[in-house]
Amino acid sequence: MSELEKKVSLKPIKTFRHGAIAASVWKRQAPSGFEYLDFSLSRSWKAKASGKEGYSPNFFVRNSADLIMVIQEVSCWIASQEESMEASLQGSNNASLHDDISENSYDSY
């Protein structure tokens, strides 16, 4: 990953929200170079007395329904992205294979 890509990856590539719950999708890269998507969860809050706002990695029982909804939504989105990436890779591999076969068939004439 280039330095620019590393800086850009400091922000989530997509965020899903349900109520006070958010799931942020991150594009990561393993030391081996393998790129993958994962997500983190947070809960927004606002103090009534001071008006101070923030985010917490902790949740209450009352957040259960929103947690379930946002996890299902983000999981489906990531799965669809992975399927698209696999399909495009297979398409590239098939095109390369087709090109190789075509080149070899012309060589035999």
Protein backbone atom coordinates (compact mmCIF):
# COMPACT_ATOMS: atom_id res chain seq x y z
CA MET A 1 0.00 0.00 0.00
CA SER A 2 1.40 3.44 -0.87
CA GLU A 3 1.78 6.21 1.71
CA LEU A 4 -1.26 7.97 0.23
CA GLU A 5 -3.35 4.79 0.49
CA LYS A 6 -2.21 4.35 4.10
CA LYS A 7 -3.34 7.89 4.92
CA VAL A 8 -6.67 7.40 3.17
CA SER A 9 -7.27 4.12 5.02
CA LEU A 10 -7.29 6.04 8.32
CA LYS A 11 -10.93 6.77 7.49
CA PRO A 12 -13.58 4.08 7.05
CA ILE A 13 -14.58 3.36 3.45
CA LYS A 14 -18.24 3.11 4.45
CA THR A 15 -20.35 3.54 7.59
CA PHE A 16 -23.72 1.99 8.41
CA ARG A 17 -25.95 3.42 11.15
CA HIS A 18 -29.01 2.27 13.06
CA GLY A 19 -30.04 4.52 15.92
CA ALA A 20 -26.99 5.34 18.02
CA ILE A 21 -25.05 2.35 16.64
CA ALA A 22 -22.56 2.60 13.77
CA ALA A 23 -20.50 0.01 11.93
CA SER A 24 -17.47 1.40 10.12
CA VAL A 25 -15.93 -0.63 7.29
CA TRP A 26 -12.15 -0.57 6.99
CA LYS A 27 -9.92 -1.67 4.13
CA ARG A 28 -6.88 -3.38 5.63
CA GLN A 29 -3.77 -5.04 4.31
CA ALA A 30 -1.98 -7.98 5.91
CA PRO A 31 1.83 -7.99 6.02
CA SER A 32 1.70 -10.51 3.15
CA GLY A 33 -0.05 -7.90 0.98
CA PHE A 34 -3.50 -9.54 1.14
CA GLU A 35 -6.20 -6.84 1.23
CA TYR A 36 -9.40 -7.42 3.16
CA LEU A 37 -12.38 -5.61 4.67
CA ASP A 38 -13.42 -5.68 8.31
CA PHE A 39 -15.64 -3.55 10.52
CA SER A 40 -15.72 -1.91 13.92
CA LEU A 41 -18.74 -0.99 16.02
CA SER A 42 -19.41 2.15 18.05
CA ARG A 43 -22.22 3.84 19.95
CA SER A 44 -22.72 7.58 19.82
CA TRP A 45 -23.70 9.40 22.99
CA LYS A 46 -24.54 12.89 24.20
CA ALA A 47 -24.46 14.08 27.81
CA LYS A 48 -27.72 15.85 28.61
CA ALA A 49 -26.20 18.17 31.21
CA SER A 50 -23.17 19.40 29.27
CA GLY A 51 -24.18 18.66 25.68
CA LYS A 52 -20.83 16.90 25.22
CA GLU A 53 -20.88 14.26 22.44
CA GLY A 54 -18.70 11.25 21.77
CA TYR A 55 -18.40 7.62 20.73
CA SER A 56 -18.04 4.50 22.83
CA PRO A 57 -17.06 0.90 22.03
CA ASN A 58 -19.45 -0.21 24.81
CA PHE A 59 -23.14 -0.99 24.48
CA PHE A 60 -26.28 -1.33 26.58
CA VAL A 61 -28.91 -4.06 26.40
CA ARG A 62 -31.23 -1.48 24.85
CA ASN A 63 -28.83 -1.31 21.86
CA SER A 64 -29.36 -5.00 21.00
CA ALA A 65 -31.83 -4.52 18.12
CA ASP A 66 -29.75 -1.79 16.48
CA LEU A 67 -26.57 -3.85 16.92
CA ILE A 68 -28.17 -6.85 15.22
CA MET A 69 -29.47 -4.71 12.34
CA VAL A 70 -26.20 -2.90 11.70
CA ILE A 71 -24.12 -6.11 11.94
CA GLN A 72 -26.40 -7.86 9.43
CA GLU A 73 -26.28 -4.90 7.06
CA VAL A 74 -22.52 -4.44 7.19
CA SER A 75 -21.88 -8.19 6.91
CA CYS A 76 -24.04 -8.45 3.79
CA TRP A 77 -22.34 -5.42 2.24
CA ILE A 78 -18.84 -6.78 2.91
CA ALA A 79 -19.84 -10.20 1.52
CA SER A 80 -21.15 -8.56 -1.67
CA GLN A 81 -17.91 -6.57 -2.04
CA GLU A 82 -15.84 -9.73 -1.61
CA GLU A 83 -17.98 -11.55 -4.20
CA SER A 84 -17.52 -8.65 -6.65
CA MET A 85 -13.76 -8.66 -6.09
CA GLU A 86 -13.59 -12.43 -6.61
CA ALA A 87 -15.71 -12.22 -9.78
CA SER A 88 -13.52 -9.47 -11.22
CA LEU A 89 -10.38 -11.48 -10.40
CA GLN A 90 -11.86 -14.57 -12.04
CA GLY A 91 -12.85 -12.48 -15.05
CA SER A 92 -9.29 -11.17 -15.31
CA ASN A 93 -7.90 -14.68 -15.01
CA ASN A 94 -10.34 -16.01 -17.61
CA ALA A 95 -9.47 -13.17 -19.98
CA SER A 96 -5.76 -13.91 -19.54
CA LEU A 97 -6.40 -17.60 -20.11
CA HIS A 98 -8.46 -16.77 -23.22
CA ASP A 99 -5.66 -14.52 -24.50
CA ASP A 100 -3.11 -17.29 -23.89
CA ILE A 101 -5.25 -19.84 -25.75
CA SER A 102 -5.83 -17.42 -28.63
CA GLU A 103 -2.13 -16.61 -28.92
CA ASN A 104 -1.21 -20.30 -28.85
CA SER A 105 -3.78 -21.19 -31.50
CA TYR A 106 -2.33 -18.59 -33.87
CA ASP A 107 1.15 -19.95 -33.26
CA SER A 108 0.13 -23.31 -34.71
CA TYR A 109 -0.73 -21.91 -38.18
